[in-house]
């Protein structure tokens, strides 16, 4: 197991060429379990022993790093993303049938990089595609949320993907999203927001929206 904690992390060596970053022993088994389930590995059913923290980080722009170096193999990043779990303790883990290791996530673990629009108005349906190939339809089961950075005042929009895992909507997609915005009454006030899947997601009070 290549999981490392504390000072040990700083001394970890680079993996050999061709090896999987992190050296997760159960990664192949997790991938096979996903194939049998015809979907994602059932990480919610696995409760292996915690093996420590791995020097792996997901940056705000969606880039995965191992020992400070970007992981360039897209297939491997996709595989890691399928065994990612966000537990009730607020921490992120890679989970296989035989191990559980902690990783660092700077913001959201995924990045929404594309959006498909179907319908109009209250019948509108928005489907987002993430940087690791997941698709999620914004609606009752996959809500959008909007936060405002207290220091910069810039918006940070998110959409729920699965099991406490969200995607930050990138700037280009967010600009397209804003073009779809409308004003609706929400909790007795007028809000600017977005419709998708029969749900109105409030973004900002109408009188605060820059015109």
N, C-alpha and C. Protein backbone atom coordinates (compact mmCIF):
# COMPACT_ATOMS: atom_id res chain seq x y z
N UNK A 1 0.85 -1.20 0.00
CA UNK A 1 0.00 0.00 0.00
C UNK A 1 0.88 1.24 0.00
N UNK A 2 0.59 2.16 -0.89
CA UNK A 2 1.40 3.36 -1.01
C UNK A 2 0.81 4.54 -0.28
N UNK A 3 -0.18 4.30 0.58
CA UNK A 3 -0.75 5.40 1.33
C UNK A 3 0.28 5.94 2.30
N UNK A 4 0.28 7.25 2.50
CA UNK A 4 1.27 7.86 3.36
C UNK A 4 0.59 8.89 4.24
N UNK A 5 1.14 9.12 5.40
CA UNK A 5 0.59 10.10 6.32
C UNK A 5 1.69 10.96 6.88
N UNK A 6 1.31 12.16 7.32
CA UNK A 6 2.24 13.04 8.01
C UNK A 6 3.52 13.28 7.25
N UNK A 7 4.68 13.20 7.96
CA UNK A 7 5.97 13.48 7.36
C UNK A 7 6.35 12.45 6.31
N UNK A 8 5.77 11.26 6.42
CA UNK A 8 6.11 10.22 5.45
C UNK A 8 5.75 10.65 4.04
N UNK A 9 4.68 11.44 3.91
CA UNK A 9 4.23 11.86 2.59
C UNK A 9 5.31 12.63 1.85
N UNK A 10 6.06 13.45 2.56
CA UNK A 10 7.08 14.27 1.92
C UNK A 10 8.23 13.43 1.40
N UNK A 11 8.41 12.21 1.93
CA UNK A 11 9.53 11.37 1.54
C UNK A 11 9.14 10.31 0.53
N UNK A 12 7.86 10.28 0.16
CA UNK A 12 7.41 9.24 -0.77
C UNK A 12 8.12 9.38 -2.10
N UNK A 13 8.45 8.24 -2.71
CA UNK A 13 9.16 8.25 -3.98
C UNK A 13 8.19 8.26 -5.14
N UNK A 14 8.66 8.73 -6.28
CA UNK A 14 7.85 8.72 -7.49
C UNK A 14 7.62 7.27 -7.91
N UNK A 15 6.41 6.98 -8.45
CA UNK A 15 6.16 5.63 -8.91
C UNK A 15 6.97 5.31 -10.14
N UNK A 16 7.24 4.03 -10.36
CA UNK A 16 7.97 3.62 -11.54
C UNK A 16 7.12 3.84 -12.78
N UNK A 17 7.79 4.02 -13.91
CA UNK A 17 7.07 4.25 -15.16
C UNK A 17 6.13 3.08 -15.43
N UNK A 18 4.88 3.43 -15.79
CA UNK A 18 3.90 2.41 -16.12
C UNK A 18 3.10 1.93 -14.94
N UNK A 19 3.53 2.27 -13.71
CA UNK A 19 2.78 1.82 -12.54
C UNK A 19 1.64 2.78 -12.26
N UNK A 20 0.63 2.30 -11.55
CA UNK A 20 -0.51 3.14 -11.22
C UNK A 20 -0.17 4.02 -10.04
N UNK A 21 -0.36 5.34 -10.15
CA UNK A 21 -0.12 6.22 -9.01
C UNK A 21 -0.91 5.75 -7.80
N UNK A 22 -0.25 5.72 -6.66
CA UNK A 22 -0.91 5.30 -5.43
C UNK A 22 -0.77 3.82 -5.17
N UNK A 23 -0.56 3.01 -6.21
CA UNK A 23 -0.37 1.59 -6.03
C UNK A 23 -1.52 0.90 -5.31
N UNK A 24 -2.75 1.35 -5.55
CA UNK A 24 -3.90 0.75 -4.87
C UNK A 24 -4.06 -0.71 -5.28
N UNK A 25 -3.97 -1.58 -4.29
CA UNK A 25 -4.00 -3.02 -4.57
C UNK A 25 -5.36 -3.48 -5.08
N UNK A 26 -6.43 -2.83 -4.62
CA UNK A 26 -7.76 -3.28 -4.98
C UNK A 26 -8.38 -2.56 -6.16
N UNK A 27 -7.59 -1.76 -6.88
CA UNK A 27 -8.15 -0.96 -7.97
C UNK A 27 -8.70 -1.84 -9.09
N UNK A 28 -7.97 -2.90 -9.44
CA UNK A 28 -8.43 -3.79 -10.50
C UNK A 28 -9.72 -4.50 -10.08
N UNK A 29 -9.79 -4.90 -8.80
CA UNK A 29 -10.99 -5.56 -8.31
C UNK A 29 -12.18 -4.61 -8.32
N UNK A 30 -11.92 -3.33 -8.00
CA UNK A 30 -12.99 -2.33 -8.03
C UNK A 30 -13.50 -2.13 -9.45
N UNK A 31 -12.56 -2.08 -10.40
CA UNK A 31 -12.95 -1.90 -11.80
C UNK A 31 -13.80 -3.08 -12.27
N UNK A 32 -13.40 -4.29 -11.89
CA UNK A 32 -14.15 -5.48 -12.28
C UNK A 32 -15.54 -5.48 -11.66
N UNK A 33 -15.64 -5.01 -10.41
CA UNK A 33 -16.94 -4.94 -9.74
C UNK A 33 -17.86 -3.97 -10.47
N UNK A 34 -17.28 -2.87 -10.97
CA UNK A 34 -18.07 -1.92 -11.73
C UNK A 34 -18.60 -2.51 -13.02
N UNK A 35 -17.77 -3.32 -13.68
CA UNK A 35 -18.18 -3.96 -14.92
C UNK A 35 -19.32 -4.95 -14.66
N UNK A 36 -19.22 -5.69 -13.57
CA UNK A 36 -20.27 -6.66 -13.24
C UNK A 36 -21.58 -5.95 -12.91
N UNK A 37 -21.47 -4.78 -12.29
CA UNK A 37 -22.66 -4.01 -11.94
C UNK A 37 -23.19 -3.21 -13.12
N UNK A 38 -22.44 -3.25 -14.24
CA UNK A 38 -22.79 -2.49 -15.44
C UNK A 38 -22.94 -1.01 -15.11
N UNK A 39 -22.00 -0.53 -14.32
CA UNK A 39 -22.03 0.87 -13.92
C UNK A 39 -20.80 1.20 -13.11
N UNK A 40 -21.00 1.93 -12.02
CA UNK A 40 -19.90 2.32 -11.16
C UNK A 40 -19.63 1.26 -10.10
N UNK A 41 -18.39 1.15 -9.62
CA UNK A 41 -18.11 0.23 -8.52
C UNK A 41 -18.97 0.59 -7.31
N UNK A 42 -19.49 -0.40 -6.59
CA UNK A 42 -20.39 -0.14 -5.45
C UNK A 42 -19.61 0.27 -4.19
N UNK A 43 -18.96 1.43 -4.25
CA UNK A 43 -18.11 1.85 -3.14
C UNK A 43 -18.90 2.06 -1.86
N UNK A 44 -20.21 2.33 -1.98
CA UNK A 44 -21.03 2.54 -0.79
C UNK A 44 -21.22 1.26 0.02
N UNK A 45 -20.91 0.12 -0.59
CA UNK A 45 -21.07 -1.16 0.10
C UNK A 45 -19.77 -1.63 0.75
N UNK A 46 -18.67 -0.97 0.46
CA UNK A 46 -17.37 -1.43 0.94
C UNK A 46 -16.96 -0.67 2.20
N UNK A 47 -16.43 -1.39 3.15
CA UNK A 47 -15.98 -0.77 4.40
C UNK A 47 -14.62 -1.35 4.82
N UNK A 48 -13.61 -1.15 3.97
CA UNK A 48 -12.28 -1.69 4.29
C UNK A 48 -11.58 -0.84 5.35
N UNK A 49 -10.47 -1.34 5.82
CA UNK A 49 -9.68 -0.62 6.82
C UNK A 49 -9.08 0.65 6.21
N UNK A 50 -9.06 1.73 7.00
CA UNK A 50 -8.43 2.97 6.56
C UNK A 50 -6.92 2.78 6.57
N UNK A 51 -6.28 3.08 5.44
CA UNK A 51 -4.85 2.82 5.29
C UNK A 51 -3.99 4.08 5.34
N UNK A 52 -4.59 5.22 5.66
CA UNK A 52 -3.82 6.45 5.73
C UNK A 52 -4.14 7.39 4.58
N UNK A 53 -3.44 8.51 4.55
CA UNK A 53 -3.66 9.51 3.52
C UNK A 53 -2.65 9.35 2.39
N UNK A 54 -3.14 9.54 1.18
CA UNK A 54 -2.30 9.44 -0.01
C UNK A 54 -1.96 10.85 -0.48
N UNK A 55 -0.75 11.04 -0.98
CA UNK A 55 -0.35 12.35 -1.49
C UNK A 55 -0.95 12.55 -2.88
N UNK A 56 -2.28 12.63 -2.90
CA UNK A 56 -3.02 12.83 -4.14
C UNK A 56 -3.98 13.99 -3.92
N UNK A 57 -4.11 14.83 -4.95
CA UNK A 57 -4.90 16.05 -4.82
C UNK A 57 -5.70 16.30 -6.09
N UNK A 58 -6.95 16.73 -5.91
CA UNK A 58 -7.76 17.19 -7.04
C UNK A 58 -7.82 18.70 -6.95
N UNK A 59 -7.24 19.38 -7.93
CA UNK A 59 -7.21 20.84 -7.92
C UNK A 59 -8.58 21.41 -8.30
N UNK A 60 -8.74 22.70 -8.08
CA UNK A 60 -10.02 23.34 -8.36
C UNK A 60 -10.39 23.26 -9.83
N UNK A 61 -9.39 23.17 -10.71
CA UNK A 61 -9.67 23.09 -12.15
C UNK A 61 -9.91 21.66 -12.61
N UNK A 62 -9.99 20.71 -11.66
CA UNK A 62 -10.29 19.32 -12.00
C UNK A 62 -9.08 18.45 -12.27
N UNK A 63 -7.87 19.03 -12.25
CA UNK A 63 -6.66 18.25 -12.50
C UNK A 63 -6.32 17.39 -11.28
N UNK A 64 -6.01 16.12 -11.53
CA UNK A 64 -5.59 15.20 -10.47
C UNK A 64 -4.06 15.19 -10.40
N UNK A 65 -3.53 15.29 -9.18
CA UNK A 65 -2.08 15.28 -8.95
C UNK A 65 -1.71 14.13 -8.04
N UNK A 66 -0.56 13.53 -8.31
CA UNK A 66 0.01 12.53 -7.42
C UNK A 66 1.46 12.90 -7.15
N UNK A 67 1.81 13.06 -5.88
CA UNK A 67 3.15 13.50 -5.49
C UNK A 67 3.54 14.80 -6.19
N UNK A 68 2.56 15.69 -6.36
CA UNK A 68 2.80 17.00 -6.94
C UNK A 68 2.84 17.04 -8.45
N UNK A 69 2.67 15.89 -9.11
CA UNK A 69 2.74 15.81 -10.57
C UNK A 69 1.37 15.47 -11.14
N UNK A 70 0.92 16.19 -12.19
CA UNK A 70 -0.38 15.87 -12.79
C UNK A 70 -0.42 14.43 -13.31
N UNK A 71 -1.53 13.77 -13.11
CA UNK A 71 -1.73 12.43 -13.66
C UNK A 71 -2.23 12.61 -15.09
N UNK A 72 -1.40 12.25 -16.05
CA UNK A 72 -1.72 12.52 -17.45
C UNK A 72 -2.55 11.46 -18.14
N UNK A 73 -2.71 10.31 -17.53
CA UNK A 73 -3.45 9.22 -18.17
C UNK A 73 -4.94 9.36 -17.87
N UNK A 74 -5.70 9.77 -18.87
CA UNK A 74 -7.12 10.04 -18.68
C UNK A 74 -7.89 8.82 -18.18
N UNK A 75 -7.55 7.66 -18.72
CA UNK A 75 -8.26 6.45 -18.30
C UNK A 75 -8.04 6.18 -16.82
N UNK A 76 -6.83 6.45 -16.33
CA UNK A 76 -6.53 6.22 -14.92
C UNK A 76 -7.28 7.22 -14.04
N UNK A 77 -7.33 8.47 -14.47
CA UNK A 77 -8.08 9.48 -13.72
C UNK A 77 -9.55 9.08 -13.65
N UNK A 78 -10.09 8.62 -14.77
CA UNK A 78 -11.48 8.18 -14.79
C UNK A 78 -11.69 7.02 -13.81
N UNK A 79 -10.76 6.08 -13.79
CA UNK A 79 -10.87 4.94 -12.90
C UNK A 79 -10.82 5.38 -11.44
N UNK A 80 -9.90 6.26 -11.11
CA UNK A 80 -9.84 6.79 -9.75
C UNK A 80 -11.15 7.48 -9.37
N UNK A 81 -11.72 8.22 -10.32
CA UNK A 81 -12.94 8.97 -10.02
C UNK A 81 -14.11 8.05 -9.69
N UNK A 82 -14.08 6.82 -10.21
CA UNK A 82 -15.18 5.89 -9.95
C UNK A 82 -15.12 5.28 -8.56
N UNK A 83 -13.97 5.36 -7.91
CA UNK A 83 -13.86 4.80 -6.55
C UNK A 83 -13.72 5.92 -5.52
N UNK A 84 -14.05 7.14 -5.93
CA UNK A 84 -14.00 8.29 -5.02
C UNK A 84 -15.27 8.31 -4.16
N UNK A 85 -15.08 8.55 -2.87
CA UNK A 85 -16.22 8.61 -1.95
C UNK A 85 -16.06 9.79 -1.01
N UNK A 86 -17.16 10.48 -0.77
CA UNK A 86 -17.19 11.61 0.16
C UNK A 86 -18.00 11.17 1.37
N UNK A 87 -17.32 10.90 2.47
CA UNK A 87 -17.99 10.34 3.63
C UNK A 87 -18.61 11.41 4.52
N UNK A 88 -19.37 10.94 5.50
CA UNK A 88 -20.07 11.86 6.39
C UNK A 88 -19.13 12.69 7.25
N UNK A 89 -17.88 12.28 7.36
CA UNK A 89 -16.90 13.06 8.13
C UNK A 89 -16.39 14.27 7.33
N UNK A 90 -16.90 14.42 6.09
CA UNK A 90 -16.51 15.56 5.27
C UNK A 90 -15.24 15.34 4.46
N UNK A 91 -14.62 14.18 4.61
CA UNK A 91 -13.36 13.90 3.92
C UNK A 91 -13.60 13.05 2.68
N UNK A 92 -12.62 13.10 1.78
CA UNK A 92 -12.69 12.35 0.53
C UNK A 92 -11.74 11.16 0.58
N UNK A 93 -12.22 10.03 0.03
CA UNK A 93 -11.43 8.80 0.06
C UNK A 93 -11.51 8.08 -1.28
N UNK A 94 -10.44 7.35 -1.61
CA UNK A 94 -10.49 6.36 -2.67
C UNK A 94 -10.74 5.03 -1.97
N UNK A 95 -11.77 4.32 -2.41
CA UNK A 95 -12.20 3.11 -1.70
C UNK A 95 -12.25 1.94 -2.67
N UNK A 96 -11.59 0.86 -2.30
CA UNK A 96 -11.66 -0.40 -3.05
C UNK A 96 -12.13 -1.47 -2.07
N UNK A 97 -12.34 -2.70 -2.53
CA UNK A 97 -12.78 -3.73 -1.59
C UNK A 97 -11.81 -4.00 -0.45
N UNK A 98 -10.52 -3.63 -0.62
CA UNK A 98 -9.52 -4.00 0.39
C UNK A 98 -8.81 -2.82 1.03
N UNK A 99 -9.11 -1.59 0.62
CA UNK A 99 -8.39 -0.45 1.19
C UNK A 99 -9.20 0.83 1.06
N UNK A 100 -8.86 1.78 1.93
CA UNK A 100 -9.50 3.09 1.94
C UNK A 100 -8.42 4.11 2.27
N UNK A 101 -8.16 5.04 1.33
CA UNK A 101 -7.11 6.04 1.54
C UNK A 101 -7.68 7.44 1.34
N UNK A 102 -7.20 8.37 2.14
CA UNK A 102 -7.67 9.73 2.05
C UNK A 102 -6.92 10.52 0.99
N UNK A 103 -7.63 11.42 0.31
CA UNK A 103 -7.00 12.33 -0.64
C UNK A 103 -7.51 13.74 -0.38
N UNK A 104 -6.88 14.72 -1.01
CA UNK A 104 -7.24 16.13 -0.83
C UNK A 104 -8.04 16.63 -2.04
N UNK A 105 -9.13 17.31 -1.76
CA UNK A 105 -9.94 17.93 -2.82
C UNK A 105 -10.02 19.42 -2.51
N UNK A 106 -9.50 20.24 -3.41
CA UNK A 106 -9.43 21.68 -3.15
C UNK A 106 -10.80 22.34 -3.13
N UNK A 107 -11.69 21.90 -4.01
CA UNK A 107 -13.03 22.50 -4.09
C UNK A 107 -14.03 21.37 -4.28
N UNK A 108 -14.56 21.22 -5.49
CA UNK A 108 -15.40 20.08 -5.81
C UNK A 108 -14.54 19.04 -6.52
N UNK A 109 -14.88 17.76 -6.40
CA UNK A 109 -14.04 16.73 -7.03
C UNK A 109 -14.14 16.68 -8.55
N UNK A 110 -15.25 17.18 -9.10
CA UNK A 110 -15.45 17.14 -10.54
C UNK A 110 -15.62 18.55 -11.09
N UNK A 111 -15.46 18.67 -12.41
CA UNK A 111 -15.64 19.94 -13.11
C UNK A 111 -16.63 19.72 -14.25
N UNK A 112 -17.72 20.49 -14.26
CA UNK A 112 -18.68 20.40 -15.35
C UNK A 112 -18.14 21.21 -16.52
N UNK A 113 -17.89 20.53 -17.64
CA UNK A 113 -17.22 21.16 -18.78
C UNK A 113 -18.12 21.32 -20.00
N UNK A 114 -19.32 20.77 -19.95
CA UNK A 114 -20.25 20.90 -21.08
C UNK A 114 -21.68 20.83 -20.56
N UNK A 115 -22.59 21.44 -21.31
CA UNK A 115 -24.00 21.46 -20.91
C UNK A 115 -24.89 21.31 -22.14
N UNK A 116 -25.87 20.43 -22.04
CA UNK A 116 -26.87 20.26 -23.10
C UNK A 116 -28.20 20.81 -22.61
N UNK A 117 -28.86 21.59 -23.44
CA UNK A 117 -30.13 22.22 -23.07
C UNK A 117 -31.25 21.61 -23.90
N UNK A 118 -32.28 21.15 -23.22
CA UNK A 118 -33.47 20.64 -23.90
C UNK A 118 -34.69 21.33 -23.33
N UNK A 119 -35.62 21.72 -24.19
CA UNK A 119 -36.83 22.40 -23.74
C UNK A 119 -36.58 23.85 -23.39
N UNK A 120 -37.66 24.51 -22.94
CA UNK A 120 -37.58 25.92 -22.59
C UNK A 120 -38.39 26.19 -21.33
N UNK A 121 -38.09 27.33 -20.70
CA UNK A 121 -38.86 27.75 -19.53
C UNK A 121 -38.89 26.70 -18.44
N UNK A 122 -40.07 26.47 -17.89
CA UNK A 122 -40.20 25.52 -16.79
C UNK A 122 -40.05 24.07 -17.24
N UNK A 123 -40.08 23.86 -18.55
CA UNK A 123 -39.89 22.51 -19.10
C UNK A 123 -38.43 22.25 -19.45
N UNK A 124 -37.59 23.20 -19.18
CA UNK A 124 -36.17 23.09 -19.53
C UNK A 124 -35.47 21.99 -18.73
N UNK A 125 -34.58 21.26 -19.42
CA UNK A 125 -33.78 20.22 -18.77
C UNK A 125 -32.32 20.43 -19.16
N UNK A 126 -31.47 20.51 -18.15
CA UNK A 126 -30.04 20.74 -18.37
C UNK A 126 -29.25 19.50 -18.00
N UNK A 127 -28.45 19.03 -18.93
CA UNK A 127 -27.59 17.86 -18.69
C UNK A 127 -26.14 18.31 -18.74
N UNK A 128 -25.42 18.05 -17.66
CA UNK A 128 -24.02 18.46 -17.57
C UNK A 128 -23.10 17.25 -17.75
N UNK A 129 -21.98 17.48 -18.42
CA UNK A 129 -20.95 16.45 -18.58
C UNK A 129 -19.71 16.91 -17.83
N UNK A 130 -19.13 16.02 -17.04
CA UNK A 130 -17.96 16.38 -16.24
C UNK A 130 -16.66 16.05 -16.96
N UNK A 131 -15.57 16.49 -16.38
CA UNK A 131 -14.24 16.25 -16.96
C UNK A 131 -13.84 14.78 -16.92
N UNK A 132 -14.56 13.96 -16.16
CA UNK A 132 -14.24 12.53 -16.12
C UNK A 132 -15.32 11.69 -16.80
N UNK A 133 -16.22 12.36 -17.54
CA UNK A 133 -17.17 11.64 -18.37
C UNK A 133 -18.52 11.34 -17.76
N UNK A 134 -18.76 11.76 -16.52
CA UNK A 134 -20.08 11.56 -15.92
C UNK A 134 -21.08 12.52 -16.53
N UNK A 135 -22.33 12.08 -16.63
CA UNK A 135 -23.42 12.96 -17.05
C UNK A 135 -24.43 13.04 -15.92
N UNK A 136 -24.91 14.25 -15.66
CA UNK A 136 -25.89 14.44 -14.60
C UNK A 136 -26.94 15.44 -15.06
N UNK A 137 -28.20 15.11 -14.82
CA UNK A 137 -29.32 15.97 -15.21
C UNK A 137 -29.76 16.77 -13.99
N UNK A 138 -29.63 18.07 -14.05
CA UNK A 138 -30.01 18.92 -12.93
C UNK A 138 -31.51 18.83 -12.69
N UNK A 139 -31.88 18.60 -11.44
CA UNK A 139 -33.28 18.45 -11.09
C UNK A 139 -33.42 18.09 -9.63
N UNK A 140 -34.53 17.48 -9.23
CA UNK A 140 -34.76 17.17 -7.81
C UNK A 140 -33.68 16.29 -7.18
N UNK A 141 -33.17 15.33 -7.94
CA UNK A 141 -32.16 14.42 -7.39
C UNK A 141 -30.73 14.91 -7.59
N UNK A 142 -30.58 15.89 -8.46
CA UNK A 142 -29.25 16.43 -8.75
C UNK A 142 -29.33 17.96 -8.77
N UNK A 143 -29.46 18.56 -7.59
CA UNK A 143 -29.66 20.01 -7.52
C UNK A 143 -28.43 20.82 -7.89
N UNK A 144 -28.69 22.03 -8.34
CA UNK A 144 -27.63 23.02 -8.52
C UNK A 144 -27.62 23.92 -7.30
N UNK A 145 -26.46 24.45 -6.99
CA UNK A 145 -26.36 25.44 -5.92
C UNK A 145 -25.38 26.51 -6.35
N UNK A 146 -25.57 27.70 -5.81
CA UNK A 146 -24.75 28.83 -6.19
C UNK A 146 -24.20 29.49 -4.93
N UNK A 147 -22.91 29.67 -4.90
CA UNK A 147 -22.27 30.36 -3.79
C UNK A 147 -21.55 31.59 -4.31
N UNK A 148 -21.39 32.57 -3.45
CA UNK A 148 -20.68 33.79 -3.80
C UNK A 148 -19.43 33.90 -2.93
N UNK A 149 -18.28 34.05 -3.58
CA UNK A 149 -17.03 34.22 -2.84
C UNK A 149 -17.09 35.53 -2.07
N UNK A 150 -16.97 35.44 -0.75
CA UNK A 150 -17.11 36.62 0.10
C UNK A 150 -16.05 37.68 -0.18
N UNK A 151 -14.86 37.25 -0.63
CA UNK A 151 -13.77 38.19 -0.87
C UNK A 151 -13.82 38.80 -2.27
N UNK A 152 -14.07 37.97 -3.28
CA UNK A 152 -14.04 38.45 -4.66
C UNK A 152 -15.42 38.82 -5.20
N UNK A 153 -16.46 38.28 -4.57
CA UNK A 153 -17.81 38.54 -5.06
C UNK A 153 -18.17 37.72 -6.28
N UNK A 154 -17.26 36.82 -6.71
CA UNK A 154 -17.51 36.01 -7.90
C UNK A 154 -18.36 34.79 -7.55
N UNK A 155 -19.24 34.40 -8.47
CA UNK A 155 -20.09 33.24 -8.21
C UNK A 155 -19.35 31.92 -8.38
N UNK A 156 -19.78 30.92 -7.62
CA UNK A 156 -19.24 29.57 -7.75
C UNK A 156 -20.44 28.63 -7.86
N UNK A 157 -20.79 28.22 -9.08
CA UNK A 157 -21.95 27.36 -9.28
C UNK A 157 -21.57 25.87 -9.25
N UNK A 158 -22.44 25.06 -8.69
CA UNK A 158 -22.18 23.62 -8.58
C UNK A 158 -23.42 22.83 -8.99
N UNK A 159 -23.20 21.59 -9.40
CA UNK A 159 -24.30 20.66 -9.65
C UNK A 159 -23.94 19.33 -9.00
N UNK A 160 -24.93 18.71 -8.38
CA UNK A 160 -24.69 17.44 -7.69
C UNK A 160 -24.57 16.31 -8.71
N UNK A 161 -23.56 15.47 -8.55
CA UNK A 161 -23.35 14.35 -9.46
C UNK A 161 -23.86 13.05 -8.85
N UNK A 162 -23.32 12.70 -7.68
CA UNK A 162 -23.78 11.48 -7.00
C UNK A 162 -23.21 11.44 -5.58
N UNK A 163 -23.97 10.87 -4.67
CA UNK A 163 -23.50 10.52 -3.33
C UNK A 163 -22.55 11.54 -2.70
N UNK A 164 -23.02 12.76 -2.51
CA UNK A 164 -22.24 13.84 -1.89
C UNK A 164 -21.06 14.30 -2.74
N UNK A 165 -21.04 13.94 -4.01
CA UNK A 165 -19.98 14.38 -4.92
C UNK A 165 -20.55 15.41 -5.89
N UNK A 166 -19.98 16.61 -5.88
CA UNK A 166 -20.46 17.70 -6.73
C UNK A 166 -19.47 18.04 -7.83
N UNK A 167 -19.96 18.76 -8.82
CA UNK A 167 -19.10 19.29 -9.88
C UNK A 167 -19.18 20.80 -9.86
N UNK A 168 -18.04 21.45 -9.90
CA UNK A 168 -17.98 22.89 -10.08
C UNK A 168 -18.22 23.17 -11.56
N UNK A 169 -19.15 24.06 -11.86
CA UNK A 169 -19.45 24.39 -13.26
C UNK A 169 -18.41 25.39 -13.74
N UNK A 170 -17.69 25.04 -14.82
CA UNK A 170 -16.60 25.92 -15.25
C UNK A 170 -17.13 27.24 -15.81
N UNK A 171 -16.23 28.17 -15.98
CA UNK A 171 -16.63 29.54 -16.33
C UNK A 171 -17.39 29.61 -17.65
N UNK A 172 -16.90 28.91 -18.67
CA UNK A 172 -17.55 28.97 -19.99
C UNK A 172 -18.98 28.45 -19.92
N UNK A 173 -19.17 27.33 -19.23
CA UNK A 173 -20.52 26.76 -19.11
C UNK A 173 -21.39 27.67 -18.25
N UNK A 174 -20.81 28.28 -17.24
CA UNK A 174 -21.58 29.17 -16.38
C UNK A 174 -22.11 30.37 -17.16
N UNK A 175 -21.30 30.91 -18.07
CA UNK A 175 -21.77 32.03 -18.89
C UNK A 175 -22.99 31.61 -19.72
N UNK A 176 -22.94 30.39 -20.26
CA UNK A 176 -24.09 29.89 -21.02
C UNK A 176 -25.30 29.69 -20.10
N UNK A 177 -25.02 29.27 -18.88
CA UNK A 177 -26.09 29.04 -17.90
C UNK A 177 -26.80 30.35 -17.55
N UNK A 178 -26.03 31.40 -17.37
CA UNK A 178 -26.60 32.70 -17.02
C UNK A 178 -27.55 33.19 -18.11
N UNK A 179 -27.22 32.89 -19.36
CA UNK A 179 -28.08 33.32 -20.47
C UNK A 179 -29.46 32.67 -20.40
N UNK A 180 -29.56 31.57 -19.66
CA UNK A 180 -30.84 30.86 -19.53
C UNK A 180 -31.62 31.31 -18.30
N UNK A 181 -31.04 32.22 -17.53
CA UNK A 181 -31.65 32.64 -16.28
C UNK A 181 -32.93 33.45 -16.46
N UNK A 182 -33.82 33.32 -15.49
CA UNK A 182 -35.09 34.06 -15.48
C UNK A 182 -35.37 34.51 -14.06
N UNK A 183 -36.32 35.42 -13.92
CA UNK A 183 -36.73 35.87 -12.60
C UNK A 183 -38.01 35.14 -12.19
N UNK A 184 -38.01 34.66 -10.95
CA UNK A 184 -39.17 33.95 -10.41
C UNK A 184 -39.32 34.34 -8.94
N UNK A 185 -40.53 34.16 -8.43
CA UNK A 185 -40.74 34.39 -7.00
C UNK A 185 -40.24 33.18 -6.23
N UNK A 186 -39.45 33.44 -5.21
CA UNK A 186 -38.88 32.37 -4.38
C UNK A 186 -38.91 32.82 -2.93
N UNK A 187 -39.67 32.10 -2.11
CA UNK A 187 -39.80 32.42 -0.69
C UNK A 187 -40.21 33.87 -0.48
N UNK A 188 -41.16 34.32 -1.31
CA UNK A 188 -41.73 35.65 -1.14
C UNK A 188 -40.93 36.78 -1.75
N UNK A 189 -39.83 36.46 -2.43
CA UNK A 189 -39.01 37.49 -3.06
C UNK A 189 -38.73 37.12 -4.51
N UNK A 190 -38.35 38.13 -5.30
CA UNK A 190 -37.98 37.88 -6.69
C UNK A 190 -36.51 37.48 -6.76
N UNK A 191 -36.27 36.34 -7.40
CA UNK A 191 -34.92 35.84 -7.54
C UNK A 191 -34.60 35.58 -9.01
N UNK A 192 -33.33 35.73 -9.34
CA UNK A 192 -32.81 35.34 -10.65
C UNK A 192 -32.27 33.92 -10.49
N UNK A 193 -32.69 33.02 -11.38
CA UNK A 193 -32.24 31.64 -11.24
C UNK A 193 -32.45 30.84 -12.52
N UNK A 194 -32.34 29.53 -12.37
CA UNK A 194 -32.35 28.62 -13.52
C UNK A 194 -33.37 27.51 -13.30
N UNK A 195 -34.13 27.20 -14.34
CA UNK A 195 -35.04 26.05 -14.31
C UNK A 195 -34.35 24.82 -14.91
N UNK A 196 -34.57 23.67 -14.28
CA UNK A 196 -34.14 22.40 -14.87
C UNK A 196 -34.87 21.27 -14.17
N UNK A 197 -35.39 20.35 -14.95
CA UNK A 197 -36.05 19.18 -14.38
C UNK A 197 -37.24 19.52 -13.50
N UNK A 198 -37.93 20.61 -13.81
CA UNK A 198 -39.09 21.00 -13.03
C UNK A 198 -38.79 21.72 -11.74
N UNK A 199 -37.53 22.09 -11.52
CA UNK A 199 -37.12 22.77 -10.29
C UNK A 199 -36.50 24.12 -10.64
N UNK A 200 -36.86 25.14 -9.87
CA UNK A 200 -36.22 26.45 -10.02
C UNK A 200 -35.10 26.56 -9.00
N UNK A 201 -33.89 26.79 -9.50
CA UNK A 201 -32.72 26.92 -8.64
C UNK A 201 -32.34 28.39 -8.53
N UNK A 202 -32.61 29.02 -7.38
CA UNK A 202 -32.31 30.45 -7.22
C UNK A 202 -30.82 30.72 -7.19
N UNK A 203 -30.41 31.75 -7.88
CA UNK A 203 -29.01 32.12 -7.96
C UNK A 203 -28.72 33.37 -7.12
N UNK A 204 -29.51 34.42 -7.35
CA UNK A 204 -29.26 35.68 -6.66
C UNK A 204 -30.55 36.49 -6.65
N UNK A 205 -30.75 37.28 -5.59
CA UNK A 205 -31.93 38.13 -5.55
C UNK A 205 -31.93 39.04 -6.78
N UNK A 206 -33.11 39.21 -7.34
CA UNK A 206 -33.22 39.95 -8.60
C UNK A 206 -32.68 41.37 -8.49
N UNK A 207 -32.88 42.01 -7.33
CA UNK A 207 -32.41 43.40 -7.19
C UNK A 207 -30.91 43.49 -6.97
N UNK A 208 -30.23 42.33 -6.84
CA UNK A 208 -28.78 42.33 -6.66
C UNK A 208 -28.04 41.95 -7.93
N UNK A 209 -28.78 41.50 -8.93
CA UNK A 209 -28.15 41.06 -10.17
C UNK A 209 -27.67 42.27 -10.96
N UNK A 210 -26.39 42.24 -11.36
CA UNK A 210 -25.83 43.34 -12.15
C UNK A 210 -26.45 43.36 -13.53
N UNK A 211 -26.88 44.50 -13.94
CA UNK A 211 -27.50 44.64 -15.26
C UNK A 211 -26.58 45.43 -16.18
